[in-house]
Amino acid sequence: MSPSTSAGARGVTIGQAAAFAGVTVKTVRHYHQHGLLAEPRRDGSGYRRYGSADLLRLVQVRTLAAAGVPLAEVAPLLAADAENFATALTEVERRLTDRIADLIARRDMLRQLADGDRVLLPGRALAVLDRFAALGYGAGYVADQREAMVLARALAPEFLDAFLTQLEHRLDDPQYVELSQRGWQARSWDPDDPRVEELASAMADNLLANRELLALPTGFQARSDAATRYGLINHHREEDHGPTSIRLTALVEAKLRAAGLDIPHQ
């Protein structure tokens, strides 16, 4: 600790000491509480008076704290010899460098968040979403596909890769584009409309024409909860679209299973 001001020395008040050191009175008291700065004796008027030694210690503590040295390490540093002091500062600098890198990464992520999907999805997925829009799919359909991709990336990255491969090929097929767009429009149909069964058959036949694209990744199939994950992804927002969408999806999946495909079932 620094030597206290002698009783006969005049010194300055805590407010003056704080102002001279460029800190607040609250900060000075905080340093006292942590044992970093000795509390001067009171003068005849009952006021604590800070002398030059106290001010020197206050400036040293403030400087180290402002440089990023944790308060718990300030006292040992001030008591260290020149070699140990330099070694300790090097370690503090390393930690600060790591923290700066972390803060820069967080800042970059915040900037990416302004672009929405770009922080949540890989470029390959964004390209597929752009193709949906270019082919005339509605904003609602594209939004649902985007959300399903985000879920897939979080719940089963290997499934997302297979899903994107499938879409990249399917979107080159005009018949697939027409059928999937009709499937979106079918939300307004009555669930018992015979067109639902006809559309499900056409969609299943189209998918089976390239059945190799429908194979689920081995890693995904091996998951004990594969059916649950598949359901969360493939049936995302299905209930929001009404009973016809639910029936259409169920019919298509049933037809794919009947053709020998291993489609997870909850």
C-alpha atoms as a PDB file:
ATOM      1  CA  MET A   1       0.000   0.000   0.000  1.00  0.00           C
ATOM      2  CA  SER A   2       1.064   3.593  -0.447  1.00  0.00           C
ATOM      3  CA  PRO A   3       2.106   5.504   2.618  1.00  0.00           C
ATOM      4  CA  SER A   4      -0.658   7.661   4.036  1.00  0.00           C
ATOM      5  CA  THR A   5      -0.453  11.383   4.255  1.00  0.00           C
ATOM      6  CA  SER A   6       0.971  12.584   7.541  1.00  0.00           C
ATOM      7  CA  ALA A   7      -1.371  14.246   9.975  1.00  0.00           C
ATOM      8  CA  GLY A   8       0.378  17.542   9.567  1.00  0.00           C
ATOM      9  CA  ALA A   9       0.352  17.565   5.791  1.00  0.00           C
ATOM     10  CA  ARG A  10      -2.326  19.593   4.199  1.00  0.00           C
ATOM     11  CA  GLY A  11      -3.107  17.434   1.151  1.00  0.00           C
ATOM     12  CA  VAL A  12      -6.343  17.575  -0.871  1.00  0.00           C
ATOM     13  CA  THR A  13      -9.876  16.303  -0.408  1.00  0.00           C
ATOM     14  CA  ILE A  14     -11.191  13.155  -2.064  1.00  0.00           C
ATOM     15  CA  GLY A  15     -13.049  15.283  -4.594  1.00  0.00           C
ATOM     16  CA  GLN A  16      -9.903  17.167  -5.539  1.00  0.00           C
ATOM     17  CA  ALA A  17      -7.869  13.946  -5.680  1.00  0.00           C
ATOM     18  CA  ALA A  18     -10.422  12.378  -8.005  1.00  0.00           C
ATOM     19  CA  ALA A  19     -10.453  15.462 -10.250  1.00  0.00           C
ATOM     20  CA  PHE A  20      -6.660  15.621 -10.402  1.00  0.00           C
ATOM     21  CA  ALA A  21      -6.464  11.904 -11.363  1.00  0.00           C
ATOM     22  CA  GLY A  22      -9.277  12.133 -13.881  1.00  0.00           C
ATOM     23  CA  VAL A  23     -11.673   9.755 -12.119  1.00  0.00           C
ATOM     24  CA  THR A  24     -14.840  10.065 -10.068  1.00  0.00           C
ATOM     25  CA  VAL A  25     -15.126  10.085  -6.302  1.00  0.00           C
ATOM     26  CA  LYS A  26     -17.044   6.816  -6.612  1.00  0.00           C
ATOM     27  CA  THR A  27     -14.048   5.286  -8.424  1.00  0.00           C
ATOM     28  CA  VAL A  28     -11.644   6.393  -5.694  1.00  0.00           C
ATOM     29  CA  ARG A  29     -13.871   4.796  -3.067  1.00  0.00           C
ATOM     30  CA  HIS A  30     -14.071   1.672  -5.228  1.00  0.00           C
ATOM     31  CA  TYR A  31     -10.257   1.487  -5.207  1.00  0.00           C
ATOM     32  CA  HIS A  32     -10.313   1.851  -1.436  1.00  0.00           C
ATOM     33  CA  GLN A  33     -12.789  -1.034  -1.137  1.00  0.00           C
ATOM     34  CA  HIS A  34     -10.508  -3.261  -3.217  1.00  0.00           C
ATOM     35  CA  GLY A  35      -7.493  -2.392  -1.100  1.00  0.00           C
ATOM     36  CA  LEU A  36      -5.722  -0.711  -4.002  1.00  0.00           C
ATOM     37  CA  LEU A  37      -5.484   2.663  -2.312  1.00  0.00           C
ATOM     38  CA  ALA A  38      -4.936   3.278   1.397  1.00  0.00           C
ATOM     39  CA  GLU A  39      -7.416   5.613   3.057  1.00  0.00           C
ATOM     40  CA  PRO A  40      -5.583   8.694   4.338  1.00  0.00           C
ATOM     41  CA  ARG A  41      -5.927   9.779   7.927  1.00  0.00           C
ATOM     42  CA  ARG A  42      -8.374  12.509   8.782  1.00  0.00           C
ATOM     43  CA  ASP A  43      -7.162  16.010   9.517  1.00  0.00           C
ATOM     44  CA  GLY A  44      -8.228  18.155  12.456  1.00  0.00           C
ATOM     45  CA  SER A  45     -11.474  19.030  10.683  1.00  0.00           C
ATOM     46  CA  GLY A  46     -12.361  15.374  10.168  1.00  0.00           C
ATOM     47  CA  TYR A  47     -11.606  15.341   6.435  1.00  0.00           C
ATOM     48  CA  ARG A  48      -9.397  12.781   4.768  1.00  0.00           C
ATOM     49  CA  ARG A  49      -6.499  14.453   3.027  1.00  0.00           C
ATOM     50  CA  TYR A  50      -4.679  12.920   0.080  1.00  0.00           C
ATOM     51  CA  GLY A  51      -0.994  13.707  -0.265  1.00  0.00           C
ATOM     52  CA  SER A  52       1.307  13.375  -3.253  1.00  0.00           C
ATOM     53  CA  ALA A  53       2.082   9.713  -2.513  1.00  0.00           C
ATOM     54  CA  ASP A  54      -1.649   8.942  -2.464  1.00  0.00           C
ATOM     55  CA  LEU A  55      -2.159  10.768  -5.735  1.00  0.00           C
ATOM     56  CA  LEU A  56       0.748   8.922  -7.320  1.00  0.00           C
ATOM     57  CA  ARG A  57      -0.772   5.586  -6.275  1.00  0.00           C
ATOM     58  CA  LEU A  58      -4.207   6.687  -7.520  1.00  0.00           C
ATOM     59  CA  VAL A  59      -2.773   7.628 -10.928  1.00  0.00           C
ATOM     60  CA  GLN A  60      -0.926   4.307 -11.164  1.00  0.00           C
ATOM     61  CA  VAL A  61      -4.044   2.296 -10.333  1.00  0.00           C
ATOM     62  CA  ARG A  62      -6.190   4.323 -12.701  1.00  0.00           C
ATOM     63  CA  THR A  63      -3.691   3.945 -15.557  1.00  0.00           C
ATOM     64  CA  LEU A  64      -3.427   0.169 -15.202  1.00  0.00           C
ATOM     65  CA  ALA A  65      -7.208  -0.245 -14.871  1.00  0.00           C
ATOM     66  CA  ALA A  66      -7.812   1.941 -17.942  1.00  0.00           C
ATOM     67  CA  ALA A  67      -5.320  -0.208 -19.876  1.00  0.00           C
ATOM     68  CA  GLY A  68      -7.438  -3.266 -19.198  1.00  0.00           C
ATOM     69  CA  VAL A  69      -5.652  -4.783 -16.214  1.00  0.00           C
ATOM     70  CA  PRO A  70      -8.226  -6.483 -13.929  1.00  0.00           C
ATOM     71  CA  LEU A  71      -8.405  -4.791 -10.533  1.00  0.00           C
ATOM     72  CA  ALA A  72      -7.484  -8.066  -8.836  1.00  0.00           C
ATOM     73  CA  GLU A  73      -4.121  -7.950 -10.641  1.00  0.00           C
ATOM     74  CA  VAL A  74      -3.294  -4.287 -10.116  1.00  0.00           C
ATOM     75  CA  ALA A  75      -1.807  -4.566  -6.601  1.00  0.00           C
ATOM     76  CA  PRO A  76       0.536  -7.488  -7.485  1.00  0.00           C
ATOM     77  CA  LEU A  77       1.663  -5.601 -10.577  1.00  0.00           C
ATOM     78  CA  LEU A  78       2.513  -2.458  -8.634  1.00  0.00           C
ATOM     79  CA  ALA A  79       4.455  -4.565  -6.156  1.00  0.00           C
ATOM     80  CA  ALA A  80       6.358  -6.503  -8.844  1.00  0.00           C
ATOM     81  CA  ASP A  81       9.910  -5.890  -9.941  1.00  0.00           C
ATOM     82  CA  ALA A  82      10.625  -4.607 -13.440  1.00  0.00           C
ATOM     83  CA  GLU A  83      10.961  -8.070 -15.029  1.00  0.00           C
ATOM     84  CA  ASN A  84       7.793  -9.499 -13.521  1.00  0.00           C
ATOM     85  CA  PHE A  85       5.945  -6.273 -14.298  1.00  0.00           C
ATOM     86  CA  ALA A  86       6.867  -6.562 -17.979  1.00  0.00           C
ATOM     87  CA  THR A  87       5.889 -10.239 -18.070  1.00  0.00           C
ATOM     88  CA  ALA A  88       2.526  -9.519 -16.465  1.00  0.00           C
ATOM     89  CA  LEU A  89       1.805  -6.682 -18.892  1.00  0.00           C
ATOM     90  CA  THR A  90       2.576  -8.978 -21.817  1.00  0.00           C
ATOM     91  CA  GLU A  91      -0.031 -11.440 -20.555  1.00  0.00           C
ATOM     92  CA  VAL A  92      -2.578  -8.643 -20.103  1.00  0.00           C
ATOM     93  CA  GLU A  93      -1.856  -7.484 -23.635  1.00  0.00           C
ATOM     94  CA  ARG A  94      -2.449 -11.018 -24.954  1.00  0.00           C
ATOM     95  CA  ARG A  95      -5.800 -11.230 -23.220  1.00  0.00           C
ATOM     96  CA  LEU A  96      -6.801  -7.813 -24.508  1.00  0.00           C
ATOM     97  CA  THR A  97      -5.834  -8.824 -28.043  1.00  0.00           C
ATOM     98  CA  ASP A  98      -8.028 -11.920 -27.761  1.00  0.00           C
ATOM     99  CA  ARG A  99     -10.901  -9.814 -26.466  1.00  0.00           C
ATOM    100  CA  ILE A 100     -10.482  -7.298 -29.264  1.00  0.00           C
ATOM    101  CA  ALA A 101     -10.636 -10.122 -31.824  1.00  0.00           C
ATOM    102  CA  ASP A 102     -13.792 -11.424 -30.151  1.00  0.00           C
ATOM    103  CA  LEU A 103     -15.398  -7.975 -30.163  1.00  0.00           C
ATOM    104  CA  ILE A 104     -14.514  -7.467 -33.826  1.00  0.00           C
ATOM    105  CA  ALA A 105     -16.115 -10.820 -34.659  1.00  0.00           C
ATOM    106  CA  ARG A 106     -19.263  -9.812 -32.760  1.00  0.00           C
ATOM    107  CA  ARG A 107     -19.343  -6.456 -34.520  1.00  0.00           C
ATOM    108  CA  ASP A 108     -19.042  -8.186 -37.890  1.00  0.00           C
ATOM    109  CA  MET A 109     -21.879 -10.520 -36.955  1.00  0.00           C
ATOM    110  CA  LEU A 110     -24.080  -7.554 -36.026  1.00  0.00           C
ATOM    111  CA  ARG A 111     -23.354  -6.020 -39.394  1.00  0.00           C
ATOM    112  CA  GLN A 112     -24.252  -9.296 -41.092  1.00  0.00           C
ATOM    113  CA  LEU A 113     -27.504  -9.429 -39.152  1.00  0.00           C
ATOM    114  CA  ALA A 114     -28.520  -6.290 -41.002  1.00  0.00           C
ATOM    115  CA  ASP A 115     -28.500  -8.478 -44.121  1.00  0.00           C
ATOM    116  CA  GLY A 116     -30.847 -10.992 -42.488  1.00  0.00           C
ATOM    117  CA  ASP A 117     -30.292 -14.395 -44.079  1.00  0.00           C
ATOM    118  CA  ARG A 118     -26.615 -13.873 -44.799  1.00  0.00           C
ATOM    119  CA  VAL A 119     -25.609 -14.682 -41.246  1.00  0.00           C
ATOM    120  CA  LEU A 120     -28.046 -17.605 -40.972  1.00  0.00           C
ATOM    121  CA  LEU A 121     -27.551 -19.406 -44.276  1.00  0.00           C
ATOM    122  CA  PRO A 122     -24.618 -20.310 -46.550  1.00  0.00           C
ATOM    123  CA  GLY A 123     -24.257 -18.680 -49.954  1.00  0.00           C
ATOM    124  CA  ARG A 124     -25.471 -21.830 -51.667  1.00  0.00           C
ATOM    125  CA  ALA A 125     -28.827 -21.613 -49.875  1.00  0.00           C
ATOM    126  CA  LEU A 126     -29.140 -17.918 -50.654  1.00  0.00           C
ATOM    127  CA  ALA A 127     -28.617 -18.678 -54.350  1.00  0.00           C
ATOM    128  CA  VAL A 128     -31.461 -21.220 -54.272  1.00  0.00           C
ATOM    129  CA  LEU A 129     -33.752 -18.694 -52.595  1.00  0.00           C
ATOM    130  CA  ASP A 130     -32.885 -16.168 -55.288  1.00  0.00           C
ATOM    131  CA  ARG A 131     -33.854 -18.736 -57.918  1.00  0.00           C
ATOM    132  CA  PHE A 132     -37.226 -19.272 -56.260  1.00  0.00           C
ATOM    133  CA  ALA A 133     -37.913 -15.552 -56.494  1.00  0.00           C
ATOM    134  CA  ALA A 134     -36.713 -15.357 -60.093  1.00  0.00           C
ATOM    135  CA  LEU A 135     -39.007 -18.241 -61.080  1.00  0.00           C
ATOM    136  CA  GLY A 136     -42.063 -16.429 -59.795  1.00  0.00           C
ATOM    137  CA  TYR A 137     -42.634 -18.117 -56.445  1.00  0.00           C
ATOM    138  CA  GLY A 138     -44.505 -15.872 -54.036  1.00  0.00           C
ATOM    139  CA  ALA A 139     -42.840 -14.089 -51.143  1.00  0.00           C
ATOM    140  CA  GLY A 140     -44.675 -16.315 -48.650  1.00  0.00           C
ATOM    141  CA  TYR A 141     -43.394 -19.501 -50.274  1.00  0.00           C
ATOM    142  CA  VAL A 142     -39.831 -18.186 -50.388  1.00  0.00           C
ATOM    143  CA  ALA A 143     -40.060 -17.123 -46.725  1.00  0.00           C
ATOM    144  CA  ASP A 144     -41.203 -20.622 -45.723  1.00  0.00           C
ATOM    145  CA  GLN A 145     -38.351 -22.218 -47.665  1.00  0.00           C
ATOM    146  CA  ARG A 146     -35.893 -19.823 -46.055  1.00  0.00           C
ATOM    147  CA  GLU A 147     -37.092 -20.678 -42.556  1.00  0.00           C
ATOM    148  CA  ALA A 148     -36.993 -24.411 -43.311  1.00  0.00           C
ATOM    149  CA  MET A 149     -33.398 -24.034 -44.486  1.00  0.00           C
ATOM    150  CA  VAL A 150     -32.436 -22.199 -41.289  1.00  0.00           C
ATOM    151  CA  LEU A 151     -34.013 -24.993 -39.250  1.00  0.00           C
ATOM    152  CA  ALA A 152     -32.258 -27.632 -41.340  1.00  0.00           C
ATOM    153  CA  ARG A 153     -28.894 -25.966 -40.887  1.00  0.00           C
ATOM    154  CA  ALA A 154     -29.383 -25.928 -37.120  1.00  0.00           C
ATOM    155  CA  LEU A 155     -31.010 -29.342 -36.670  1.00  0.00           C
ATOM    156  CA  ALA A 156     -29.354 -31.422 -39.398  1.00  0.00           C
ATOM    157  CA  PRO A 157     -26.650 -29.761 -41.536  1.00  0.00           C
ATOM    158  CA  GLU A 158     -26.188 -32.948 -43.578  1.00  0.00           C
ATOM    159  CA  PHE A 159     -29.889 -32.855 -44.451  1.00  0.00           C
ATOM    160  CA  LEU A 160     -29.567 -29.233 -45.625  1.00  0.00           C
ATOM    161  CA  ASP A 161     -26.809 -30.206 -48.066  1.00  0.00           C
ATOM    162  CA  ALA A 162     -28.960 -32.973 -49.550  1.00  0.00           C
ATOM    163  CA  PHE A 163     -31.995 -30.688 -49.637  1.00  0.00           C
ATOM    164  CA  LEU A 164     -30.093 -27.968 -51.500  1.00  0.00           C
ATOM    165  CA  THR A 165     -28.740 -30.484 -54.008  1.00  0.00           C
ATOM    166  CA  GLN A 166     -32.276 -31.661 -54.658  1.00  0.00           C
ATOM    167  CA  LEU A 167     -33.625 -28.124 -55.119  1.00  0.00           C
ATOM    168  CA  GLU A 168     -30.759 -27.106 -57.413  1.00  0.00           C
ATOM    169  CA  HIS A 169     -31.761 -29.957 -59.769  1.00  0.00           C
ATOM    170  CA  ARG A 170     -35.532 -29.627 -59.327  1.00  0.00           C
ATOM    171  CA  LEU A 171     -35.613 -25.937 -60.171  1.00  0.00           C
ATOM    172  CA  ASP A 172     -34.229 -26.803 -63.611  1.00  0.00           C
ATOM    173  CA  ASP A 173     -37.371 -28.894 -64.196  1.00  0.00           C
ATOM    174  CA  PRO A 174     -40.317 -26.781 -65.457  1.00  0.00           C
ATOM    175  CA  GLN A 175     -42.791 -29.472 -64.426  1.00  0.00           C
ATOM    176  CA  TYR A 176     -41.514 -29.478 -60.840  1.00  0.00           C
ATOM    177  CA  VAL A 177     -41.737 -25.680 -60.740  1.00  0.00           C
ATOM    178  CA  GLU A 178     -45.323 -25.755 -61.998  1.00  0.00           C
ATOM    179  CA  LEU A 179     -46.412 -28.513 -59.594  1.00  0.00           C
ATOM    180  CA  SER A 180     -44.803 -26.956 -56.523  1.00  0.00           C
ATOM    181  CA  GLN A 181     -46.392 -23.608 -57.334  1.00  0.00           C
ATOM    182  CA  ARG A 182     -49.762 -25.325 -57.695  1.00  0.00           C
ATOM    183  CA  GLY A 183     -49.167 -26.974 -54.357  1.00  0.00           C
ATOM    184  CA  TRP A 184     -48.794 -23.528 -52.803  1.00  0.00           C
ATOM    185  CA  GLN A 185     -51.991 -22.338 -54.492  1.00  0.00           C
ATOM    186  CA  ALA A 186     -53.849 -25.446 -53.272  1.00  0.00           C
ATOM    187  CA  ARG A 187     -53.961 -23.984 -49.771  1.00  0.00           C
ATOM    188  CA  SER A 188     -57.265 -22.372 -50.739  1.00  0.00           C
ATOM    189  CA  TRP A 189     -58.817 -25.645 -51.925  1.00  0.00           C
ATOM    190  CA  ASP A 190     -61.162 -27.767 -49.880  1.00  0.00           C
ATOM    191  CA  PRO A 191     -59.236 -30.694 -48.328  1.00  0.00           C
ATOM    192  CA  ASP A 192     -61.639 -33.150 -50.020  1.00  0.00           C
ATOM    193  CA  ASP A 193     -61.299 -31.565 -53.440  1.00  0.00           C
ATOM    194  CA  PRO A 194     -60.395 -34.407 -55.871  1.00  0.00           C
ATOM    195  CA  ARG A 195     -57.707 -32.175 -57.326  1.00  0.00           C
ATOM    196  CA  VAL A 196     -55.690 -32.638 -54.109  1.00  0.00           C
ATOM    197  CA  GLU A 197     -55.291 -36.379 -54.768  1.00  0.00           C
ATOM    198  CA  GLU A 198     -54.466 -35.739 -58.426  1.00  0.00           C
ATOM    199  CA  LEU A 199     -51.874 -33.119 -57.553  1.00  0.00           C
ATOM    200  CA  ALA A 200     -50.277 -35.377 -54.913  1.00  0.00           C
ATOM    201  CA  SER A 201     -49.923 -38.182 -57.482  1.00  0.00           C
ATOM    202  CA  ALA A 202     -48.382 -35.835 -60.042  1.00  0.00           C
ATOM    203  CA  MET A 203     -45.958 -34.415 -57.483  1.00  0.00           C
ATOM    204  CA  ALA A 204     -44.916 -37.881 -56.282  1.00  0.00           C
ATOM    205  CA  ASP A 205     -44.390 -39.096 -59.863  1.00  0.00           C
ATOM    206  CA  ASN A 206     -42.267 -36.052 -60.614  1.00  0.00           C
ATOM    207  CA  LEU A 207     -40.108 -36.604 -57.540  1.00  0.00           C
ATOM    208  CA  LEU A 208     -39.712 -40.308 -58.285  1.00  0.00           C
ATOM    209  CA  ALA A 209     -38.457 -39.556 -61.783  1.00  0.00           C
ATOM    210  CA  ASN A 210     -35.176 -38.634 -60.030  1.00  0.00           C
ATOM    211  CA  ARG A 211     -35.503 -40.766 -56.942  1.00  0.00           C
ATOM    212  CA  GLU A 212     -31.768 -40.755 -56.274  1.00  0.00           C
ATOM    213  CA  LEU A 213     -32.173 -37.140 -55.205  1.00  0.00           C
ATOM    214  CA  LEU A 214     -34.607 -38.221 -52.502  1.00  0.00           C
ATOM    215  CA  ALA A 215     -32.138 -40.411 -50.621  1.00  0.00           C
ATOM    216  CA  LEU A 216     -31.527 -39.106 -47.115  1.00  0.00           C
ATOM    217  CA  PRO A 217     -27.897 -38.838 -45.953  1.00  0.00           C
ATOM    218  CA  THR A 218     -26.695 -41.859 -44.003  1.00  0.00           C
ATOM    219  CA  GLY A 219     -25.623 -39.676 -41.114  1.00  0.00           C
ATOM    220  CA  PHE A 220     -29.097 -38.233 -40.845  1.00  0.00           C
ATOM    221  CA  GLN A 221     -30.839 -41.604 -41.041  1.00  0.00           C
ATOM    222  CA  ALA A 222     -28.623 -42.897 -38.232  1.00  0.00           C
ATOM    223  CA  ARG A 223     -29.949 -40.315 -35.799  1.00  0.00           C
ATOM    224  CA  SER A 224     -32.242 -41.812 -33.166  1.00  0.00           C
ATOM    225  CA  ASP A 225     -34.496 -38.782 -33.497  1.00  0.00           C
ATOM    226  CA  ALA A 226     -34.320 -38.492 -37.301  1.00  0.00           C
ATOM    227  CA  ALA A 227     -38.116 -38.615 -37.657  1.00  0.00           C
ATOM    228  CA  THR A 228     -38.578 -35.751 -35.218  1.00  0.00           C
ATOM    229  CA  ARG A 229     -35.955 -33.586 -36.892  1.00  0.00           C
ATOM    230  CA  TYR A 230     -37.345 -34.374 -40.343  1.00  0.00           C
ATOM    231  CA  GLY A 231     -40.847 -33.477 -39.216  1.00  0.00           C
ATOM    232  CA  LEU A 232     -39.762 -30.140 -37.777  1.00  0.00           C
ATOM    233  CA  ILE A 233     -38.024 -29.236 -41.032  1.00  0.00           C
ATOM    234  CA  ASN A 234     -40.238 -30.728 -43.748  1.00  0.00           C
ATOM    235  CA  HIS A 235     -43.538 -29.848 -42.053  1.00  0.00           C
ATOM    236  CA  HIS A 236     -42.499 -26.357 -40.955  1.00  0.00           C
ATOM    237  CA  ARG A 237     -45.517 -23.986 -40.818  1.00  0.00           C
ATOM    238  CA  GLU A 238     -47.727 -26.653 -42.360  1.00  0.00           C
ATOM    239  CA  GLU A 239     -50.483 -26.033 -39.833  1.00  0.00           C
ATOM    240  CA  ASP A 240     -50.420 -22.314 -40.607  1.00  0.00           C
ATOM    241  CA  HIS A 241     -51.353 -23.116 -44.215  1.00  0.00           C
ATOM    242  CA  GLY A 242     -54.441 -25.102 -43.372  1.00  0.00           C
ATOM    243  CA  PRO A 243     -55.774 -28.647 -43.683  1.00  0.00           C
ATOM    244  CA  THR A 244     -55.356 -28.908 -47.447  1.00  0.00           C
ATOM    245  CA  SER A 245     -51.591 -28.366 -47.236  1.00  0.00           C
ATOM    246  CA  ILE A 246     -51.369 -30.953 -44.474  1.00  0.00           C
ATOM    247  CA  ARG A 247     -53.320 -33.503 -46.525  1.00  0.00           C
ATOM    248  CA  LEU A 248     -51.331 -32.801 -49.694  1.00  0.00           C
ATOM    249  CA  THR A 249     -47.989 -33.333 -47.938  1.00  0.00           C
ATOM    250  CA  ALA A 250     -49.252 -36.506 -46.242  1.00  0.00           C
ATOM    251  CA  LEU A 251     -50.470 -37.924 -49.562  1.00  0.00           C
ATOM    252  CA  VAL A 252     -47.165 -37.199 -51.319  1.00  0.00           C
ATOM    253  CA  GLU A 253     -45.161 -38.796 -48.520  1.00  0.00           C
ATOM    254  CA  ALA A 254     -47.441 -41.839 -48.459  1.00  0.00           C
ATOM    255  CA  LYS A 255     -46.968 -42.327 -52.195  1.00  0.00           C
ATOM    256  CA  LEU A 256     -43.189 -42.034 -51.837  1.00  0.00           C
ATOM    257  CA  ARG A 257     -43.188 -44.618 -49.050  1.00  0.00           C
ATOM    258  CA  ALA A 258     -45.369 -46.891 -51.172  1.00  0.00           C
ATOM    259  CA  ALA A 259     -42.704 -46.621 -53.895  1.00  0.00           C
ATOM    260  CA  GLY A 260     -40.108 -47.955 -51.450  1.00  0.00           C
ATOM    261  CA  LEU A 261     -38.547 -44.742 -50.193  1.00  0.00           C
ATOM    262  CA  ASP A 262     -37.592 -44.510 -46.531  1.00  0.00           C
ATOM    263  CA  ILE A 263     -39.356 -41.280 -45.555  1.00  0.00           C
ATOM    264  CA  PRO A 264     -39.220 -40.635 -41.786  1.00  0.00           C
ATOM    265  CA  HIS A 265     -42.627 -40.855 -40.205  1.00  0.00           C
ATOM    266  CA  GLN A 266     -43.723 -39.493 -36.833  1.00  0.00           C
END
